[in-house]
Amino acid sequence: MRAIHSLAAPQGPPPARPPLRRGTAAAPPLRGSSQPPPPPPASPRLASRRAALLALVLAAAPARPAPAAAAFSLGIPGPMELLREQKKKSASFLLAPIAASLDTLLKAQALLASPNASAEDAEEVRGRISAAGRDCVSRTGVEVCTFSLILKNAASLLTKKDPLKVEADTRLGELIQSFSDLGTVVENSNFELIGDREKMKDGLLSTISALDKFEQSVKDCLGV
């Protein structure tokens, strides 16, 4: 038998479908979801700009100083500076005995200069000179030299070789020696003799000068 051919044209393979285009828009959220859609990702160029801006800000920002550096920049004094300030504030207290001794010597000088000085005045001069010495001319070995204590306190922040302390130690030695010499002159002098009184006057002037120099050395140690 003859094969019966269909009148219909032979069917070829189905035409290829074009590929689907992916849109840049985000897919719509699912129904019933309460979360908002995520923001679109930043472009690489925008991210690069943000990184560069952040780097500039960090480079321009000043670095935080260390605690010690911050203290110096703010002018906060350190422990040594605070101690020096405290000593300056106590200067009037430390210098008070020196001022009192100077006043005592000047009164003794006035009594000695009087032409009508009596025996009682002579004893008062001896007592004033002894009091002005502040136990710095030791006779029993138990007295404490007030001037030495003053210098020890005033120069406590200085080293032994500091020029200010060396100078003050020298002035202290000269002052003590001056009081010692003056005491010897007074004990061996007769107030009724003009020559002896002149010796006592010279001794008083020398001791007053030594006391002035010592006071200035103490002020130098205190920084006042």
Protein backbone atom coordinates (compact mmCIF):
# COMPACT_ATOMS: atom_id res chain seq x y z
CA MET A 1 0.00 0.00 0.00
CA ARG A 2 1.09 3.51 -0.68
CA ALA A 3 1.85 5.65 2.26
CA ILE A 4 -0.54 8.48 2.60
CA HIS A 5 1.30 11.84 2.95
CA SER A 6 -0.24 14.62 4.96
CA LEU A 7 -1.10 17.74 3.09
CA ALA A 8 0.15 19.87 6.01
CA ALA A 9 3.68 21.30 5.76
CA PRO A 10 6.17 19.53 7.88
CA GLN A 11 6.66 21.25 11.20
CA GLY A 12 10.24 22.37 11.96
CA PRO A 13 11.77 22.96 15.37
CA PRO A 14 10.09 25.64 17.49
CA PRO A 15 11.64 29.15 17.23
CA ALA A 16 14.02 30.12 20.00
CA ARG A 17 12.64 32.54 22.55
CA PRO A 18 14.61 35.70 23.25
CA PRO A 19 16.32 35.76 26.70
CA LEU A 20 14.57 37.57 29.47
CA ARG A 21 16.00 41.00 30.40
CA ARG A 22 16.82 41.56 33.99
CA GLY A 23 15.57 44.91 35.22
CA THR A 24 17.55 47.05 37.59
CA ALA A 25 14.53 47.68 39.80
CA ALA A 26 14.21 45.53 42.86
CA ALA A 27 11.52 42.90 42.91
CA PRO A 28 8.30 44.02 44.55
CA PRO A 29 7.92 42.94 48.13
CA LEU A 30 5.86 39.95 48.91
CA ARG A 31 2.31 40.56 49.91
CA GLY A 32 1.73 40.61 53.57
CA SER A 33 5.36 41.59 54.40
CA SER A 34 5.85 44.68 56.60
CA GLN A 35 9.58 45.19 55.87
CA PRO A 36 10.44 47.98 53.41
CA PRO A 37 12.41 47.06 50.34
CA PRO A 38 16.21 47.23 50.76
CA PRO A 39 17.91 50.34 49.30
CA PRO A 40 19.66 49.91 46.00
CA PRO A 41 23.40 49.24 46.30
CA ALA A 42 25.71 52.25 45.89
CA SER A 43 27.66 52.45 42.74
CA PRO A 44 31.43 51.77 42.96
CA ARG A 45 32.17 55.39 42.06
CA LEU A 46 30.03 56.72 44.93
CA ALA A 47 31.65 54.32 47.39
CA SER A 48 35.08 55.45 46.28
CA ARG A 49 34.15 59.11 46.85
CA ARG A 50 32.92 58.35 50.33
CA ALA A 51 36.15 56.53 51.23
CA ALA A 52 38.26 59.43 49.94
CA LEU A 53 36.21 61.97 51.92
CA LEU A 54 36.58 59.91 55.09
CA ALA A 55 40.34 59.73 54.60
CA LEU A 56 40.57 63.52 54.23
CA VAL A 57 38.56 64.08 57.41
CA LEU A 58 40.75 61.70 59.40
CA ALA A 59 43.93 63.30 58.07
CA ALA A 60 42.75 66.83 58.92
CA ALA A 61 41.56 65.96 62.44
CA PRO A 62 44.20 66.79 65.13
CA ALA A 63 45.56 63.89 67.10
CA ARG A 64 44.55 63.64 70.74
CA PRO A 65 47.48 64.60 73.00
CA ALA A 66 48.72 62.31 75.70
CA PRO A 67 47.62 63.15 79.28
CA ALA A 68 51.02 64.65 80.16
CA ALA A 69 51.20 66.68 76.98
CA ALA A 70 47.66 67.89 77.53
CA ALA A 71 48.58 69.06 81.02
CA PHE A 72 51.51 71.09 79.75
CA SER A 73 49.46 72.56 76.90
CA LEU A 74 46.84 73.67 79.40
CA GLY A 75 49.44 75.17 81.70
CA ILE A 76 48.76 72.79 84.59
CA PRO A 77 51.76 72.90 86.97
CA GLY A 78 53.54 69.73 87.98
CA PRO A 79 54.33 68.59 91.54
CA MET A 80 57.65 70.47 91.70
CA GLU A 81 56.05 73.70 90.51
CA LEU A 82 53.32 73.33 93.11
CA LEU A 83 55.91 72.90 95.88
CA ARG A 84 57.77 75.99 94.72
CA GLU A 85 54.56 78.00 94.78
CA GLN A 86 53.80 76.79 98.30
CA LYS A 87 57.24 77.87 99.47
CA LYS A 88 56.78 81.28 97.91
CA LYS A 89 53.50 81.65 99.80
CA SER A 90 55.25 80.74 103.06
CA ALA A 91 58.11 83.21 102.43
CA SER A 92 56.76 85.81 104.84
CA PHE A 93 56.55 83.18 107.60
CA LEU A 94 60.12 81.98 106.99
CA LEU A 95 61.55 85.49 106.81
CA ALA A 96 59.75 86.75 109.94
CA PRO A 97 62.49 85.68 112.42
CA ILE A 98 65.13 87.40 110.29
CA ALA A 99 63.11 90.62 110.26
CA ALA A 100 62.63 90.38 114.03
CA SER A 101 66.37 89.91 114.60
CA LEU A 102 67.14 92.89 112.39
CA ASP A 103 64.71 95.04 114.35
CA THR A 104 66.31 93.89 117.62
CA LEU A 105 69.80 94.79 116.40
CA LEU A 106 68.67 98.23 115.25
CA LYS A 107 67.18 98.94 118.69
CA ALA A 108 70.40 97.82 120.33
CA GLN A 109 72.30 100.11 117.99
CA ALA A 110 70.08 103.04 118.98
CA LEU A 111 70.69 102.39 122.68
CA LEU A 112 74.40 102.14 122.11
CA ALA A 113 74.44 105.44 120.21
CA SER A 114 72.75 107.30 123.04
CA PRO A 115 75.23 109.52 124.95
CA ASN A 116 73.26 109.03 128.13
CA ALA A 117 73.28 105.22 128.14
CA SER A 118 73.10 103.84 131.65
CA ALA A 119 74.20 100.53 133.12
CA GLU A 120 70.68 99.23 132.61
CA ASP A 121 70.88 100.20 128.93
CA ALA A 122 74.12 98.28 128.67
CA GLU A 123 72.46 95.13 129.96
CA GLU A 124 69.58 95.65 127.57
CA VAL A 125 71.99 95.91 124.66
CA ARG A 126 73.61 92.62 125.68
CA GLY A 127 70.21 90.95 125.98
CA ARG A 128 69.03 92.22 122.60
CA ILE A 129 72.17 91.07 120.83
CA SER A 130 71.86 87.63 122.41
CA ALA A 131 68.18 87.37 121.41
CA ALA A 132 68.92 88.49 117.85
CA GLY A 133 71.38 85.61 117.46
CA ARG A 134 68.51 83.09 117.59
CA ASP A 135 70.57 80.45 119.42
CA CYS A 136 73.01 80.27 116.51
CA VAL A 137 76.03 80.82 118.76
CA SER A 138 75.78 77.62 120.75
CA ARG A 139 77.32 77.49 124.19
CA THR A 140 75.75 74.36 125.68
CA GLY A 141 75.37 72.29 122.54
CA VAL A 142 71.58 71.92 122.84
CA GLU A 143 70.43 75.14 121.19
CA VAL A 144 69.00 74.99 117.70
CA CYS A 145 70.05 77.70 115.26
CA THR A 146 66.89 79.30 113.90
CA PHE A 147 68.70 80.73 110.87
CA SER A 148 69.96 77.27 109.95
CA LEU A 149 66.43 75.87 110.10
CA ILE A 150 65.16 78.73 107.94
CA LEU A 151 67.73 78.02 105.25
CA LYS A 152 67.11 74.27 105.39
CA ASN A 153 63.43 74.86 104.72
CA ALA A 154 63.96 77.49 102.04
CA ALA A 155 66.50 75.41 100.10
CA SER A 156 64.81 72.02 100.49
CA LEU A 157 64.01 71.87 96.74
CA LEU A 158 67.59 72.69 95.72
CA THR A 159 70.50 70.30 95.35
CA LYS A 160 73.58 70.60 97.53
CA LYS A 161 75.62 71.94 94.62
CA ASP A 162 73.05 74.46 93.49
CA PRO A 163 74.73 77.90 93.32
CA LEU A 164 71.90 79.50 95.28
CA LYS A 165 72.23 77.01 98.12
CA VAL A 166 76.02 77.22 98.13
CA GLU A 167 75.81 81.01 98.37
CA ALA A 168 73.21 80.83 101.14
CA ASP A 169 75.33 78.36 103.14
CA THR A 170 78.26 80.76 102.88
CA ARG A 171 76.12 83.68 104.06
CA LEU A 172 74.83 81.62 106.98
CA GLY A 173 78.37 80.81 108.10
CA GLU A 174 79.33 84.47 107.88
CA LEU A 175 76.27 85.48 109.90
CA ILE A 176 76.95 83.01 112.68
CA GLN A 177 80.58 84.08 112.84
CA SER A 178 79.52 87.72 112.97
CA PHE A 179 77.20 87.09 115.93
CA SER A 180 79.97 85.19 117.67
CA ASP A 181 82.47 88.01 117.17
CA LEU A 182 79.92 90.60 118.31
CA GLY A 183 79.17 88.63 121.45
CA THR A 184 82.86 88.46 122.30
CA VAL A 185 83.26 92.22 121.83
CA VAL A 186 80.24 93.02 124.01
CA GLU A 187 81.39 90.74 126.82
CA ASN A 188 84.86 92.26 126.86
CA SER A 189 83.81 95.91 126.52
CA ASN A 190 83.08 98.64 129.00
CA PHE A 191 80.14 100.85 128.05
CA GLU A 192 81.70 103.79 129.84
CA LEU A 193 84.72 103.77 127.57
CA ILE A 194 84.27 105.52 124.21
CA GLY A 195 86.72 103.22 122.47
CA ASP A 196 84.88 100.08 123.58
CA ARG A 197 81.55 101.52 122.55
CA GLU A 198 82.93 102.27 119.11
CA LYS A 199 84.04 98.65 118.80
CA MET A 200 80.51 97.49 119.68
CA LYS A 201 79.05 99.87 117.12
CA ASP A 202 81.31 98.48 114.42
CA GLY A 203 80.38 94.93 115.44
CA LEU A 204 76.68 95.76 115.25
CA LEU A 205 77.05 97.28 111.78
CA SER A 206 78.93 94.20 110.56
CA THR A 207 76.29 91.85 111.98
CA ILE A 208 73.41 93.86 110.49
CA SER A 209 75.13 93.72 107.09
CA ALA A 210 75.64 89.95 107.40
CA LEU A 211 71.98 89.53 108.35
CA ASP A 212 70.86 91.53 105.31
CA LYS A 213 72.97 89.38 102.99
CA PHE A 214 71.66 86.18 104.54
CA GLU A 215 68.08 87.35 104.15
CA GLN A 216 68.66 88.03 100.45
CA SER A 217 70.15 84.56 99.99
CA VAL A 218 67.09 82.98 101.58
CA LYS A 219 64.84 84.99 99.25
CA ASP A 220 66.88 83.77 96.28
CA CYS A 221 66.37 80.17 97.37
CA LEU A 222 62.64 80.78 97.67
CA GLY A 223 62.46 82.58 94.34
CA VAL A 224 60.88 85.72 95.76
